[in-house]
């Protein structure tokens, strides 16, 4: 529903409990578990981060008895505007001395003895 490529999802519980990891195999044991198994209830918050797309979502979990038949959940709120990997940074910087601190080579012409 959120069009995430490589999400990391954790419970905002102060413990850093990770539900979904973008690292392969790290959280596969969670796939069959229900959110309630992790103590997630009405009012719980999740943080979903997608590094590849450079965006983070805060998800507020709200319980509802009014969903249509065979609908397990509903997403309410603003959808992400752009989908896909973040664009690469432009590489138009001209660095002549190996750093970008603006330092220039010395041009002094003092008398040498």
PDB file of N, CA and C in Angstrom:
ATOM      1  N   UNK A   1       0.817  -1.207   0.000  1.00  0.00           N
ATOM      2  CA  UNK A   1       0.000   0.000   0.000  1.00  0.00           C
ATOM      3  C   UNK A   1       0.856   1.265   0.000  1.00  0.00           C
ATOM      4  N   UNK A   2       2.051   1.218   0.590  1.00  0.00           N
ATOM      5  CA  UNK A   2       2.875   2.417   0.702  1.00  0.00           C
ATOM      6  C   UNK A   2       3.953   2.503  -0.368  1.00  0.00           C
ATOM      7  N   UNK A   3       4.016   1.517  -1.268  1.00  0.00           N
ATOM      8  CA  UNK A   3       4.973   1.509  -2.381  1.00  0.00           C
ATOM      9  C   UNK A   3       6.418   1.632  -1.913  1.00  0.00           C
ATOM     10  N   UNK A   4       6.751   0.975  -0.834  1.00  0.00           N
ATOM     11  CA  UNK A   4       8.118   1.001  -0.322  1.00  0.00           C
ATOM     12  C   UNK A   4       8.934  -0.091  -1.005  1.00  0.00           C
ATOM     13  N   UNK A   5      10.198   0.201  -1.269  1.00  0.00           N
ATOM     14  CA  UNK A   5      11.084  -0.733  -1.954  1.00  0.00           C
ATOM     15  C   UNK A   5      11.806  -1.626  -0.952  1.00  0.00           C
ATOM     16  N   UNK A   6      12.424  -1.027   0.030  1.00  0.00           N
ATOM     17  CA  UNK A   6      13.178  -1.779   1.045  1.00  0.00           C
ATOM     18  C   UNK A   6      12.858  -1.190   2.418  1.00  0.00           C
ATOM     19  N   UNK A   7      11.668  -1.505   2.945  1.00  0.00           N
ATOM     20  CA  UNK A   7      11.260  -0.879   4.201  1.00  0.00           C
ATOM     21  C   UNK A   7      11.898  -1.493   5.436  1.00  0.00           C
ATOM     22  N   UNK A   8      12.075  -0.645   6.423  1.00  0.00           N
ATOM     23  CA  UNK A   8      12.397  -1.040   7.786  1.00  0.00           C
ATOM     24  C   UNK A   8      11.252  -0.479   8.628  1.00  0.00           C
ATOM     25  N   UNK A   9      10.595  -1.349   9.401  1.00  0.00           N
ATOM     26  CA  UNK A   9       9.461  -0.910  10.208  1.00  0.00           C
ATOM     27  C   UNK A   9       9.734  -1.279  11.658  1.00  0.00           C
ATOM     28  N   UNK A  10       9.607  -0.285  12.517  1.00  0.00           N
ATOM     29  CA  UNK A  10       9.786  -0.548  13.946  1.00  0.00           C
ATOM     30  C   UNK A  10       8.630   0.057  14.731  1.00  0.00           C
ATOM     31  N   UNK A  11       8.403  -0.517  15.908  1.00  0.00           N
ATOM     32  CA  UNK A  11       7.372  -0.016  16.802  1.00  0.00           C
ATOM     33  C   UNK A  11       7.970   1.160  17.558  1.00  0.00           C
ATOM     34  N   UNK A  12       7.232   2.233  17.657  1.00  0.00           N
ATOM     35  CA  UNK A  12       7.691   3.372  18.451  1.00  0.00           C
ATOM     36  C   UNK A  12       7.312   3.096  19.909  1.00  0.00           C
ATOM     37  N   UNK A  13       8.054   2.179  20.513  1.00  0.00           N
ATOM     38  CA  UNK A  13       7.768   1.764  21.883  1.00  0.00           C
ATOM     39  C   UNK A  13       8.917   2.071  22.836  1.00  0.00           C
ATOM     40  N   UNK A  14       9.927   2.758  22.338  1.00  0.00           N
ATOM     41  CA  UNK A  14      11.080   3.065  23.170  1.00  0.00           C
ATOM     42  C   UNK A  14      12.072   1.919  23.264  1.00  0.00           C
ATOM     43  N   UNK A  15      11.726   0.761  22.714  1.00  0.00           N
ATOM     44  CA  UNK A  15      12.602  -0.411  22.752  1.00  0.00           C
ATOM     45  C   UNK A  15      13.274  -0.664  21.414  1.00  0.00           C
ATOM     46  N   UNK A  16      12.773  -0.047  20.348  1.00  0.00           N
ATOM     47  CA  UNK A  16      13.333  -0.270  19.020  1.00  0.00           C
ATOM     48  C   UNK A  16      12.974  -1.619  18.435  1.00  0.00           C
ATOM     49  N   UNK A  17      11.798  -2.143  18.777  1.00  0.00           N
ATOM     50  CA  UNK A  17      11.356  -3.439  18.264  1.00  0.00           C
ATOM     51  C   UNK A  17      11.150  -3.358  16.761  1.00  0.00           C
ATOM     52  N   UNK A  18      11.875  -4.178  16.009  1.00  0.00           N
ATOM     53  CA  UNK A  18      11.811  -4.162  14.552  1.00  0.00           C
ATOM     54  C   UNK A  18      10.824  -5.236  14.075  1.00  0.00           C
ATOM     55  N   UNK A  19       9.821  -4.814  13.288  1.00  0.00           N
ATOM     56  CA  UNK A  19       8.845  -5.740  12.729  1.00  0.00           C
ATOM     57  C   UNK A  19       9.265  -6.235  11.357  1.00  0.00           C
ATOM     58  N   UNK A  20       9.762  -5.320  10.523  1.00  0.00           N
ATOM     59  CA  UNK A  20      10.189  -5.639   9.163  1.00  0.00           C
ATOM     60  C   UNK A  20      11.560  -5.022   8.950  1.00  0.00           C
ATOM     61  N   UNK A  21      12.476  -5.817   8.424  1.00  0.00           N
ATOM     62  CA  UNK A  21      13.819  -5.323   8.136  1.00  0.00           C
ATOM     63  C   UNK A  21      14.097  -5.455   6.645  1.00  0.00           C
ATOM     64  N   UNK A  22      14.821  -4.479   6.104  1.00  0.00           N
ATOM     65  CA  UNK A  22      15.219  -4.556   4.697  1.00  0.00           C
ATOM     66  C   UNK A  22      16.368  -5.549   4.506  1.00  0.00           C
ATOM     67  N   UNK A  23      16.969  -6.003   5.598  1.00  0.00           N
ATOM     68  CA  UNK A  23      18.018  -7.027   5.536  1.00  0.00           C
ATOM     69  C   UNK A  23      17.349  -8.389   5.345  1.00  0.00           C
ATOM     70  N   UNK A  24      17.686  -9.068   4.281  1.00  0.00           N
ATOM     71  CA  UNK A  24      17.046 -10.340   3.945  1.00  0.00           C
ATOM     72  C   UNK A  24      17.184 -11.360   5.074  1.00  0.00           C
ATOM     73  N   UNK A  25      16.060 -11.969   5.438  1.00  0.00           N
ATOM     74  CA  UNK A  25      16.044 -13.037   6.427  1.00  0.00           C
ATOM     75  C   UNK A  25      16.037 -12.580   7.879  1.00  0.00           C
ATOM     76  N   UNK A  26      16.251 -11.301   8.132  1.00  0.00           N
ATOM     77  CA  UNK A  26      16.374 -10.821   9.511  1.00  0.00           C
ATOM     78  C   UNK A  26      15.063 -10.900  10.299  1.00  0.00           C
ATOM     79  N   UNK A  27      13.934 -10.666   9.643  1.00  0.00           N
ATOM     80  CA  UNK A  27      12.657 -10.667  10.360  1.00  0.00           C
ATOM     81  C   UNK A  27      11.628 -11.621   9.742  1.00  0.00           C
ATOM     82  N   UNK A  28      12.083 -12.608   9.007  1.00  0.00           N
ATOM     83  CA  UNK A  28      11.155 -13.560   8.381  1.00  0.00           C
ATOM     84  C   UNK A  28      10.284 -14.271   9.402  1.00  0.00           C
ATOM     85  N   UNK A  29      10.771 -14.482  10.605  1.00  0.00           N
ATOM     86  CA  UNK A  29       9.994 -15.155  11.647  1.00  0.00           C
ATOM     87  C   UNK A  29       8.760 -14.348  12.039  1.00  0.00           C
ATOM     88  N   UNK A  30       8.740 -13.058  11.730  1.00  0.00           N
ATOM     89  CA  UNK A  30       7.591 -12.208  12.072  1.00  0.00           C
ATOM     90  C   UNK A  30       6.469 -12.291  11.054  1.00  0.00           C
ATOM     91  N   UNK A  31       6.731 -12.859   9.873  1.00  0.00           N
ATOM     92  CA  UNK A  31       5.760 -12.828   8.785  1.00  0.00           C
ATOM     93  C   UNK A  31       4.421 -13.470   9.133  1.00  0.00           C
ATOM     94  N   UNK A  32       4.402 -14.516   9.938  1.00  0.00           N
ATOM     95  CA  UNK A  32       3.158 -15.207  10.271  1.00  0.00           C
ATOM     96  C   UNK A  32       2.470 -14.638  11.514  1.00  0.00           C
ATOM     97  N   UNK A  33       3.138 -13.724  12.194  1.00  0.00           N
ATOM     98  CA  UNK A  33       2.601 -13.196  13.449  1.00  0.00           C
ATOM     99  C   UNK A  33       1.640 -12.032  13.215  1.00  0.00           C
ATOM    100  N   UNK A  34       0.720 -11.853  14.136  1.00  0.00           N
ATOM    101  CA  UNK A  34      -0.226 -10.744  14.096  1.00  0.00           C
ATOM    102  C   UNK A  34       0.383  -9.544  14.819  1.00  0.00           C
ATOM    103  N   UNK A  35      -0.089  -8.357  14.487  1.00  0.00           N
ATOM    104  CA  UNK A  35       0.404  -7.155  15.158  1.00  0.00           C
ATOM    105  C   UNK A  35       0.155  -7.223  16.666  1.00  0.00           C
ATOM    106  N   UNK A  36      -0.946  -7.828  17.057  1.00  0.00           N
ATOM    107  CA  UNK A  36      -1.251  -7.932  18.488  1.00  0.00           C
ATOM    108  C   UNK A  36      -0.223  -8.782  19.235  1.00  0.00           C
ATOM    109  N   UNK A  37       0.460  -9.691  18.522  1.00  0.00           N
ATOM    110  CA  UNK A  37       1.520 -10.490  19.141  1.00  0.00           C
ATOM    111  C   UNK A  37       2.679  -9.609  19.618  1.00  0.00           C
ATOM    112  N   UNK A  38       2.799  -8.434  19.033  1.00  0.00           N
ATOM    113  CA  UNK A  38       3.868  -7.504  19.404  1.00  0.00           C
ATOM    114  C   UNK A  38       3.376  -6.418  20.354  1.00  0.00           C
ATOM    115  N   UNK A  39       2.148  -6.534  20.820  1.00  0.00           N
ATOM    116  CA  UNK A  39       1.601  -5.540  21.734  1.00  0.00           C
ATOM    117  C   UNK A  39       1.051  -4.313  21.022  1.00  0.00           C
ATOM    118  N   UNK A  40       0.870  -4.405  19.725  1.00  0.00           N
ATOM    119  CA  UNK A  40       0.336  -3.280  18.965  1.00  0.00           C
ATOM    120  C   UNK A  40      -1.179  -3.294  19.101  1.00  0.00           C
ATOM    121  N   UNK A  41      -1.693  -2.176  19.555  1.00  0.00           N
ATOM    122  CA  UNK A  41      -3.118  -2.026  19.805  1.00  0.00           C
ATOM    123  C   UNK A  41      -3.591  -0.706  19.212  1.00  0.00           C
ATOM    124  N   UNK A  42      -4.852  -0.399  19.420  1.00  0.00           N
ATOM    125  CA  UNK A  42      -5.403   0.883  19.013  1.00  0.00           C
ATOM    126  C   UNK A  42      -4.561   2.008  19.623  1.00  0.00           C
ATOM    127  N   UNK A  43      -4.082   2.902  18.787  1.00  0.00           N
ATOM    128  CA  UNK A  43      -3.270   4.024  19.266  1.00  0.00           C
ATOM    129  C   UNK A  43      -1.772   3.795  19.170  1.00  0.00           C
ATOM    130  N   UNK A  44      -1.349   2.592  18.844  1.00  0.00           N
ATOM    131  CA  UNK A  44       0.092   2.331  18.687  1.00  0.00           C
ATOM    132  C   UNK A  44       0.618   3.075  17.468  1.00  0.00           C
ATOM    133  N   UNK A  45       1.946   3.343  17.495  1.00  0.00           N
ATOM    134  CA  UNK A  45       2.582   4.019  16.361  1.00  0.00           C
ATOM    135  C   UNK A  45       3.721   3.172  15.829  1.00  0.00           C
ATOM    136  N   UNK A  46       3.842   3.165  14.498  1.00  0.00           N
ATOM    137  CA  UNK A  46       4.930   2.486  13.817  1.00  0.00           C
ATOM    138  C   UNK A  46       5.685   3.508  12.992  1.00  0.00           C
ATOM    139  N   UNK A  47       6.975   3.275  12.835  1.00  0.00           N
ATOM    140  CA  UNK A  47       7.778   4.107  11.944  1.00  0.00           C
ATOM    141  C   UNK A  47       8.289   3.231  10.819  1.00  0.00           C
ATOM    142  N   UNK A  48       7.962   3.608   9.576  1.00  0.00           N
ATOM    143  CA  UNK A  48       8.406   2.877   8.393  1.00  0.00           C
ATOM    144  C   UNK A  48       9.380   3.771   7.635  1.00  0.00           C
ATOM    145  N   UNK A  49      10.563   3.240   7.376  1.00  0.00           N
ATOM    146  CA  UNK A  49      11.619   4.014   6.729  1.00  0.00           C
ATOM    147  C   UNK A  49      12.069   3.273   5.477  1.00  0.00           C
ATOM    148  N   UNK A  50      12.158   3.983   4.368  1.00  0.00           N
ATOM    149  CA  UNK A  50      12.650   3.402   3.123  1.00  0.00           C
ATOM    150  C   UNK A  50      13.848   4.219   2.668  1.00  0.00           C
ATOM    151  N   UNK A  51      15.039   3.728   2.986  1.00  0.00           N
ATOM    152  CA  UNK A  51      16.277   4.428   2.665  1.00  0.00           C
ATOM    153  C   UNK A  51      16.435   4.631   1.166  1.00  0.00           C
ATOM    154  N   UNK A  52      16.058   3.637   0.364  1.00  0.00           N
ATOM    155  CA  UNK A  52      16.240   3.732  -1.081  1.00  0.00           C
ATOM    156  C   UNK A  52      15.412   4.845  -1.707  1.00  0.00           C
ATOM    157  N   UNK A  53      14.284   5.165  -1.096  1.00  0.00           N
ATOM    158  CA  UNK A  53      13.438   6.233  -1.625  1.00  0.00           C
ATOM    159  C   UNK A  53      13.531   7.505  -0.793  1.00  0.00           C
ATOM    160  N   UNK A  54      14.293   7.459   0.267  1.00  0.00           N
ATOM    161  CA  UNK A  54      14.529   8.609   1.131  1.00  0.00           C
ATOM    162  C   UNK A  54      13.236   9.194   1.694  1.00  0.00           C
ATOM    163  N   UNK A  55      12.416   8.316   2.286  1.00  0.00           N
ATOM    164  CA  UNK A  55      11.254   8.839   2.995  1.00  0.00           C
ATOM    165  C   UNK A  55      10.889   7.952   4.176  1.00  0.00           C
ATOM    166  N   UNK A  56      10.246   8.580   5.148  1.00  0.00           N
ATOM    167  CA  UNK A  56       9.837   7.916   6.376  1.00  0.00           C
ATOM    168  C   UNK A  56       8.364   8.193   6.611  1.00  0.00           C
ATOM    169  N   UNK A  57       7.638   7.178   7.037  1.00  0.00           N
ATOM    170  CA  UNK A  57       6.224   7.323   7.374  1.00  0.00           C
ATOM    171  C   UNK A  57       6.029   7.034   8.849  1.00  0.00           C
ATOM    172  N   UNK A  58       5.199   7.815   9.497  1.00  0.00           N
ATOM    173  CA  UNK A  58       4.740   7.497  10.844  1.00  0.00           C
ATOM    174  C   UNK A  58       3.325   6.974  10.680  1.00  0.00           C
ATOM    175  N   UNK A  59       3.090   5.783  11.199  1.00  0.00           N
ATOM    176  CA  UNK A  59       1.803   5.114  11.012  1.00  0.00           C
ATOM    177  C   UNK A  59       1.106   5.023  12.363  1.00  0.00           C
ATOM    178  N   UNK A  60      -0.081   5.608  12.437  1.00  0.00           N
ATOM    179  CA  UNK A  60      -0.907   5.513  13.638  1.00  0.00           C
ATOM    180  C   UNK A  60      -1.893   4.375  13.422  1.00  0.00           C
ATOM    181  N   UNK A  61      -1.878   3.401  14.311  1.00  0.00           N
ATOM    182  CA  UNK A  61      -2.762   2.240  14.200  1.00  0.00           C
ATOM    183  C   UNK A  61      -4.049   2.551  14.962  1.00  0.00           C
ATOM    184  N   UNK A  62      -5.161   2.491  14.235  1.00  0.00           N
ATOM    185  CA  UNK A  62      -6.474   2.746  14.840  1.00  0.00           C
ATOM    186  C   UNK A  62      -7.388   1.563  14.567  1.00  0.00           C
ATOM    187  N   UNK A  63      -7.996   1.038  15.590  1.00  0.00           N
ATOM    188  CA  UNK A  63      -8.904  -0.094  15.450  1.00  0.00           C
ATOM    189  C   UNK A  63     -10.249   0.392  14.916  1.00  0.00           C
ATOM    190  N   UNK A  64     -10.844  -0.411  14.017  1.00  0.00           N
ATOM    191  CA  UNK A  64     -12.156  -0.073  13.480  1.00  0.00           C
ATOM    192  C   UNK A  64     -12.984  -1.340  13.317  1.00  0.00           C
ATOM    193  N   UNK A  65     -14.244  -1.243  13.644  1.00  0.00           N
ATOM    194  CA  UNK A  65     -15.194  -2.343  13.439  1.00  0.00           C
ATOM    195  C   UNK A  65     -16.009  -2.104  12.173  1.00  0.00           C
ATOM    196  N   UNK A  66     -15.753  -0.990  11.472  1.00  0.00           N
ATOM    197  CA  UNK A  66     -16.592  -0.581  10.345  1.00  0.00           C
ATOM    198  C   UNK A  66     -15.987  -0.875   8.981  1.00  0.00           C
ATOM    199  N   UNK A  67     -15.061  -1.805   8.862  1.00  0.00           N
ATOM    200  CA  UNK A  67     -14.468  -2.124   7.569  1.00  0.00           C
ATOM    201  C   UNK A  67     -15.407  -3.021   6.769  1.00  0.00           C
ATOM    202  N   UNK A  68     -15.321  -2.896   5.445  1.00  0.00           N
ATOM    203  CA  UNK A  68     -16.151  -3.740   4.585  1.00  0.00           C
ATOM    204  C   UNK A  68     -15.740  -5.204   4.719  1.00  0.00           C
ATOM    205  N   UNK A  69     -16.603  -6.077   4.269  1.00  0.00           N
ATOM    206  CA  UNK A  69     -16.338  -7.514   4.338  1.00  0.00           C
ATOM    207  C   UNK A  69     -15.049  -7.846   3.590  1.00  0.00           C
ATOM    208  N   UNK A  70     -14.238  -8.702   4.153  1.00  0.00           N
ATOM    209  CA  UNK A  70     -12.967  -9.161   3.591  1.00  0.00           C
ATOM    210  C   UNK A  70     -11.901  -8.066   3.475  1.00  0.00           C
ATOM    211  N   UNK A  71     -12.090  -6.920   4.095  1.00  0.00           N
ATOM    212  CA  UNK A  71     -11.085  -5.852   4.126  1.00  0.00           C
ATOM    213  C   UNK A  71     -10.405  -5.919   5.484  1.00  0.00           C
ATOM    214  N   UNK A  72      -9.097  -6.159   5.464  1.00  0.00           N
ATOM    215  CA  UNK A  72      -8.358  -6.306   6.715  1.00  0.00           C
ATOM    216  C   UNK A  72      -7.887  -4.984   7.292  1.00  0.00           C
ATOM    217  N   UNK A  73      -7.591  -4.014   6.413  1.00  0.00           N
ATOM    218  CA  UNK A  73      -7.142  -2.711   6.889  1.00  0.00           C
ATOM    219  C   UNK A  73      -7.430  -1.659   5.838  1.00  0.00           C
ATOM    220  N   UNK A  74      -7.354  -0.406   6.277  1.00  0.00           N
ATOM    221  CA  UNK A  74      -7.578   0.721   5.384  1.00  0.00           C
ATOM    222  C   UNK A  74      -6.500   1.758   5.655  1.00  0.00           C
ATOM    223  N   UNK A  75      -5.968   2.328   4.594  1.00  0.00           N
ATOM    224  CA  UNK A  75      -4.971   3.377   4.725  1.00  0.00           C
ATOM    225  C   UNK A  75      -5.682   4.711   4.549  1.00  0.00           C
ATOM    226  N   UNK A  76      -5.551   5.576   5.541  1.00  0.00           N
ATOM    227  CA  UNK A  76      -6.169   6.891   5.502  1.00  0.00           C
ATOM    228  C   UNK A  76      -5.054   7.918   5.660  1.00  0.00           C
ATOM    229  N   UNK A  77      -4.997   8.857   4.753  1.00  0.00           N
ATOM    230  CA  UNK A  77      -3.973   9.894   4.838  1.00  0.00           C
ATOM    231  C   UNK A  77      -3.377  10.156   3.481  1.00  0.00           C
ATOM    232  N   UNK A  78      -2.296  10.912   3.479  1.00  0.00           N
ATOM    233  CA  UNK A  78      -1.644  11.293   2.235  1.00  0.00           C
ATOM    234  C   UNK A  78      -0.738  10.181   1.744  1.00  0.00           C
ATOM    235  N   UNK A  79      -0.849   9.856   0.466  1.00  0.00           N
ATOM    236  CA  UNK A  79       0.023   8.863  -0.164  1.00  0.00           C
ATOM    237  C   UNK A  79       1.317   9.547  -0.575  1.00  0.00           C
ATOM    238  N   UNK A  80       2.413   8.796  -0.655  1.00  0.00           N
ATOM    239  CA  UNK A  80       3.670   9.389  -1.100  1.00  0.00           C
ATOM    240  C   UNK A  80       3.521   9.935  -2.519  1.00  0.00           C
ATOM    241  N   UNK A  81       4.170  11.074  -2.781  1.00  0.00           N
ATOM    242  CA  UNK A  81       4.046  11.707  -4.094  1.00  0.00           C
ATOM    243  C   UNK A  81       4.933  11.059  -5.142  1.00  0.00           C
ATOM    244  N   UNK A  82       6.116  10.600  -4.745  1.00  0.00           N
ATOM    245  CA  UNK A  82       6.990  10.004  -5.744  1.00  0.00           C
ATOM    246  C   UNK A  82       7.331   8.594  -5.312  1.00  0.00           C
ATOM    247  N   UNK A  83       7.458   7.751  -6.309  1.00  0.00           N
ATOM    248  CA  UNK A  83       7.759   6.356  -6.053  1.00  0.00           C
ATOM    249  C   UNK A  83       8.962   5.978  -6.883  1.00  0.00           C
ATOM    250  N   UNK A  84       9.853   5.219  -6.305  1.00  0.00           N
ATOM    251  CA  UNK A  84      11.040   4.757  -7.019  1.00  0.00           C
ATOM    252  C   UNK A  84      12.291   5.184  -6.296  1.00  0.00           C
ATOM    253  N   UNK A  85      13.441   4.681  -6.741  1.00  0.00           N
ATOM    254  CA  UNK A  85      14.697   5.009  -6.074  1.00  0.00           C
ATOM    255  C   UNK A  85      14.985   6.495  -6.141  1.00  0.00           C
ATOM    256  N   UNK A  86      15.641   6.998  -5.110  1.00  0.00           N
ATOM    257  CA  UNK A  86      15.962   8.419  -5.110  1.00  0.00           C
ATOM    258  C   UNK A  86      16.984   8.715  -6.203  1.00  0.00           C
ATOM    259  N   UNK A  87      16.882   9.889  -6.839  1.00  0.00           N
ATOM    260  CA  UNK A  87      17.807  10.215  -7.923  1.00  0.00           C
ATOM    261  C   UNK A  87      19.223  10.368  -7.404  1.00  0.00           C
ATOM    262  N   UNK A  88      20.185  10.053  -8.265  1.00  0.00           N
ATOM    263  CA  UNK A  88      21.574  10.172  -7.841  1.00  0.00           C
ATOM    264  C   UNK A  88      21.958  11.636  -7.745  1.00  0.00           C
ATOM    265  N   UNK A  89      22.904  11.914  -6.867  1.00  0.00           N
ATOM    266  CA  UNK A  89      23.373  13.274  -6.648  1.00  0.00           C
ATOM    267  C   UNK A  89      24.126  13.768  -7.873  1.00  0.00           C
ATOM    268  N   UNK A  90      23.952  15.036  -8.261  1.00  0.00           N
ATOM    269  CA  UNK A  90      24.752  15.550  -9.370  1.00  0.00           C
ATOM    270  C   UNK A  90      26.225  15.622  -8.978  1.00  0.00           C
ATOM    271  N   UNK A  91      27.094  15.332  -9.916  1.00  0.00           N
ATOM    272  CA  UNK A  91      28.528  15.312  -9.637  1.00  0.00           C
ATOM    273  C   UNK A  91      29.241  16.426 -10.380  1.00  0.00           C
ATOM    274  N   UNK A  92      28.669  17.632 -10.334  1.00  0.00           N
ATOM    275  CA  UNK A  92      29.231  18.739 -11.089  1.00  0.00           C
ATOM    276  C   UNK A  92      30.248  19.549 -10.288  1.00  0.00           C
ATOM    277  N   UNK A  93      30.618  19.101  -9.115  1.00  0.00           N
ATOM    278  CA  UNK A  93      31.582  19.832  -8.297  1.00  0.00           C
ATOM    279  C   UNK A  93      32.980  19.652  -8.873  1.00  0.00           C
ATOM    280  N   UNK A  94      33.702  20.729  -8.968  1.00  0.00           N
ATOM    281  CA  UNK A  94      35.061  20.691  -9.487  1.00  0.00           C
ATOM    282  C   UNK A  94      36.016  20.722  -8.300  1.00  0.00           C
ATOM    283  N   UNK A  95      36.656  19.607  -8.040  1.00  0.00           N
ATOM    284  CA  UNK A  95      37.575  19.500  -6.904  1.00  0.00           C
ATOM    285  C   UNK A  95      38.960  19.238  -7.460  1.00  0.00           C
ATOM    286  N   UNK A  96      39.855  20.216  -7.291  1.00  0.00           N
ATOM    287  CA  UNK A  96      41.169  20.080  -7.909  1.00  0.00           C
ATOM    288  C   UNK A  96      42.247  19.613  -6.942  1.00  0.00           C
ATOM    289  N   UNK A  97      42.030  19.807  -5.654  1.00  0.00           N
ATOM    290  CA  UNK A  97      43.073  19.417  -4.712  1.00  0.00           C
ATOM    291  C   UNK A  97      42.649  18.276  -3.788  1.00  0.00           C
ATOM    292  N   UNK A  98      41.603  17.576  -4.141  1.00  0.00           N
ATOM    293  CA  UNK A  98      41.194  16.409  -3.370  1.00  0.00           C
ATOM    294  C   UNK A  98      40.271  16.725  -2.213  1.00  0.00           C
ATOM    295  N   UNK A  99      39.937  17.978  -1.992  1.00  0.00           N
ATOM    296  CA  UNK A  99      38.981  18.315  -0.946  1.00  0.00           C
ATOM    297  C   UNK A  99      38.047  19.379  -1.480  1.00  0.00           C
ATOM    298  N   UNK A 100      36.950  19.586  -0.772  1.00  0.00           N
ATOM    299  CA  UNK A 100      35.998  20.591  -1.220  1.00  0.00           C
ATOM    300  C   UNK A 100      35.923  21.737  -0.224  1.00  0.00           C
ATOM    301  N   UNK A 101      37.031  22.021   0.486  1.00  0.00           N
ATOM    302  CA  UNK A 101      37.009  23.075   1.491  1.00  0.00           C
ATOM    303  C   UNK A 101      37.322  24.449   0.919  1.00  0.00           C
ATOM    304  N   UNK A 102      37.477  24.567  -0.396  1.00  0.00           N
ATOM    305  CA  UNK A 102      37.719  25.843  -1.038  1.00  0.00           C
ATOM    306  C   UNK A 102      39.169  26.294  -1.002  1.00  0.00           C
ATOM    307  N   UNK A 103      40.050  25.498  -0.426  1.00  0.00           N
ATOM    308  CA  UNK A 103      41.460  25.888  -0.344  1.00  0.00           C
ATOM    309  C   UNK A 103      42.066  25.939  -1.742  1.00  0.00           C
ATOM    310  N   UNK A 104      42.883  26.965  -1.987  1.00  0.00           N
ATOM    311  CA  UNK A 104      43.539  27.145  -3.278  1.00  0.00           C
ATOM    312  C   UNK A 104      45.043  27.017  -3.087  1.00  0.00           C
ATOM    313  N   UNK A 105      45.779  26.627  -4.125  1.00  0.00           N
ATOM    314  CA  UNK A 105      47.232  26.529  -4.017  1.00  0.00           C
ATOM    315  C   UNK A 105      47.830  27.920  -3.770  1.00  0.00           C
ATOM    316  N   UNK A 106      48.947  27.945  -3.074  1.00  0.00           N
ATOM    317  CA  UNK A 106      49.624  29.206  -2.767  1.00  0.00           C
ATOM    318  C   UNK A 106      50.168  29.829  -4.055  1.00  0.00           C
ATOM    319  N   UNK A 107      50.050  31.161  -4.161  1.00  0.00           N
ATOM    320  CA  UNK A 107      50.580  31.864  -5.333  1.00  0.00           C
ATOM    321  C   UNK A 107      51.557  32.959  -4.917  1.00  0.00           C
ATOM    322  N   UNK A 108      52.091  32.869  -3.692  1.00  0.00           N
ATOM    323  CA  UNK A 108      53.025  33.905  -3.224  1.00  0.00           C
ATOM    324  C   UNK A 108      54.336  33.817  -3.997  1.00  0.00           C
ATOM    325  N   UNK A 109      54.947  34.960  -4.180  1.00  0.00           N
ATOM    326  CA  UNK A 109      56.225  35.025  -4.914  1.00  0.00           C
ATOM    327  C   UNK A 109      57.259  35.770  -4.087  1.00  0.00           C
ATOM    328  N   UNK A 110      57.396  35.414  -2.855  1.00  0.00           N
ATOM    329  CA  UNK A 110      58.367  36.058  -1.973  1.00  0.00           C
ATOM    330  C   UNK A 110      59.804  35.712  -2.370  1.00  0.00           C
ATOM    331  N   UNK A 111      60.752  36.525  -1.937  1.00  0.00           N
ATOM    332  CA  UNK A 111      62.176  36.279  -2.203  1.00  0.00           C
ATOM    333  C   UNK A 111      62.653  35.070  -1.420  1.00  0.00           C
ATOM    334  N   UNK A 112      63.317  34.172  -2.094  1.00  0.00           N
ATOM    335  CA  UNK A 112      63.848  32.995  -1.420  1.00  0.00           C
ATOM    336  C   UNK A 112      65.350  33.149  -1.339  1.00  0.00           C
ATOM    337  N   UNK A 113      65.988  32.803  -0.260  1.00  0.00           N
ATOM    338  CA  UNK A 113      67.437  32.923  -0.134  1.00  0.00           C
ATOM    339  C   UNK A 113      68.098  31.611   0.045  1.00  0.00           C
TER     340      UNK A 113
END
